Amino acid sequence: MKKIFLTGFILVLFSCKKETPSKILARDQMKEVLVDLFICKEVALLSKAENSSREDQLIEEEVFKKHHTNKEQFEKSHKYYLKNNESYLDILIKAQNRVKELQSQHKN
């Protein structure tokens, strides 16, 4: 009886669709924030040999403002997605593809 209950519990547990908890950025929004952070920080690195931590902070604040989020929510979302490697890998691949797309548009 215990085995049947345990098997049923495991099936129900894994068959439930995981939904993103509230206060966590949606996957697409997380991707867009990562893309903008990457681009802004790369531009800042190219424009100055030394980038101050205050400049980094200002860059982050502007990106978060653009995406209607904040550092705390981003960090919470980042930790959430890190726990689910498959989701995080998917987000990073999509972000990387978006950066490549923007780079190719810039070259043309």
Protein backbone atom coordinates (compact mmCIF):
# COMPACT_ATOMS: atom_id res chain seq x y z
CA MET A 1 0.00 0.00 0.00
CA LYS A 2 2.83 2.39 0.86
CA LYS A 3 4.48 1.72 -2.52
CA ILE A 4 1.25 2.51 -4.38
CA PHE A 5 0.76 5.72 -2.44
CA LEU A 6 4.40 6.74 -2.94
CA THR A 7 4.25 5.96 -6.68
CA GLY A 8 1.01 7.92 -7.05
CA PHE A 9 2.44 10.86 -5.14
CA ILE A 10 5.56 10.92 -7.31
CA LEU A 11 3.48 10.76 -10.50
CA VAL A 12 1.26 13.62 -9.37
CA LEU A 13 4.26 15.65 -8.25
CA PHE A 14 6.09 15.33 -11.57
CA SER A 15 3.04 15.60 -13.77
CA CYS A 16 2.09 19.01 -12.39
CA LYS A 17 3.13 21.85 -14.66
CA LYS A 18 5.57 24.12 -12.93
CA GLU A 19 4.42 27.71 -13.02
CA THR A 20 6.67 30.63 -12.39
CA PRO A 21 5.99 31.97 -8.90
CA SER A 22 4.79 35.52 -8.52
CA LYS A 23 7.50 38.16 -8.21
CA ILE A 24 9.70 36.10 -10.54
CA LEU A 25 10.41 37.53 -13.97
CA ALA A 26 8.86 35.61 -16.84
CA ARG A 27 11.35 33.71 -18.98
CA ASP A 28 11.10 36.14 -21.92
CA GLN A 29 11.47 39.15 -19.64
CA MET A 30 14.47 37.53 -17.94
CA LYS A 31 16.02 36.97 -21.37
CA GLU A 32 15.49 40.60 -22.38
CA VAL A 33 16.99 41.91 -19.13
CA LEU A 34 20.04 39.69 -19.60
CA VAL A 35 20.46 40.87 -23.20
CA ASP A 36 20.32 44.53 -22.19
CA LEU A 37 22.67 44.05 -19.24
CA PHE A 38 25.17 42.30 -21.48
CA ILE A 39 25.01 44.93 -24.20
CA CYS A 40 25.21 47.89 -21.82
CA LYS A 41 28.12 46.43 -19.89
CA GLU A 42 30.00 45.60 -23.10
CA VAL A 43 29.54 49.15 -24.37
CA ALA A 44 30.74 50.50 -21.03
CA LEU A 45 33.81 48.25 -21.15
CA LEU A 46 34.66 49.34 -24.68
CA SER A 47 34.25 53.00 -23.87
CA LYS A 48 36.51 52.95 -20.81
CA ALA A 49 39.47 50.87 -19.79
CA GLU A 50 38.31 51.03 -16.18
CA ASN A 51 34.66 50.85 -15.30
CA SER A 52 33.72 51.94 -11.80
CA SER A 53 31.29 49.98 -9.69
CA ARG A 54 29.11 53.11 -9.54
CA GLU A 55 28.87 53.16 -13.34
CA ASP A 56 27.95 49.45 -13.29
CA GLN A 57 25.26 50.21 -10.74
CA LEU A 58 23.83 53.03 -12.87
CA ILE A 59 23.78 50.78 -15.94
CA GLU A 60 21.91 48.08 -14.02
CA GLU A 61 19.42 50.59 -12.64
CA GLU A 62 18.61 51.88 -16.13
CA VAL A 63 18.16 48.37 -17.52
CA PHE A 64 15.92 47.37 -14.63
CA LYS A 65 13.89 50.56 -15.02
CA LYS A 66 13.44 49.86 -18.75
CA HIS A 67 12.06 46.40 -17.94
CA HIS A 68 9.91 47.57 -15.00
CA THR A 69 11.83 45.54 -12.46
CA ASN A 70 14.55 46.06 -9.88
CA LYS A 71 17.78 44.46 -8.73
CA GLU A 72 16.09 42.47 -5.97
CA GLN A 73 13.50 40.97 -8.29
CA PHE A 74 16.16 40.22 -10.90
CA GLU A 75 18.39 38.49 -8.34
CA LYS A 76 15.45 36.50 -6.96
CA SER A 77 14.52 35.47 -10.51
CA HIS A 78 18.13 34.64 -11.31
CA LYS A 79 18.34 32.32 -8.28
CA TYR A 80 15.00 30.74 -9.20
CA TYR A 81 16.08 29.95 -12.75
CA LEU A 82 19.52 28.74 -11.63
CA LYS A 83 17.76 26.00 -9.67
CA ASN A 84 16.16 24.80 -12.89
CA ASN A 85 19.17 24.31 -15.15
CA GLU A 86 17.09 23.43 -18.21
CA SER A 87 15.02 26.62 -18.02
CA TYR A 88 18.06 28.76 -17.33
CA LEU A 89 20.01 27.22 -20.19
CA ASP A 90 17.06 27.91 -22.51
CA ILE A 91 16.95 31.55 -21.35
CA LEU A 92 20.70 31.97 -21.86
CA ILE A 93 20.60 30.42 -25.34
CA LYS A 94 17.74 32.72 -26.35
CA ALA A 95 19.58 35.72 -24.89
CA GLN A 96 22.74 34.77 -26.78
CA ASN A 97 20.77 34.39 -30.02
CA ARG A 98 19.17 37.79 -29.49
CA VAL A 99 22.58 39.42 -28.92
CA LYS A 100 23.89 37.82 -32.13
CA GLU A 101 20.80 39.05 -33.98
CA LEU A 102 21.35 42.60 -32.73
CA GLN A 103 25.04 42.43 -33.63
CA SER A 104 24.25 41.36 -37.18
CA GLN A 105 21.68 44.17 -37.51
CA HIS A 106 24.30 46.65 -36.31
CA LYS A 107 26.83 45.44 -38.89
CA ASN A 108 24.42 45.97 -41.77
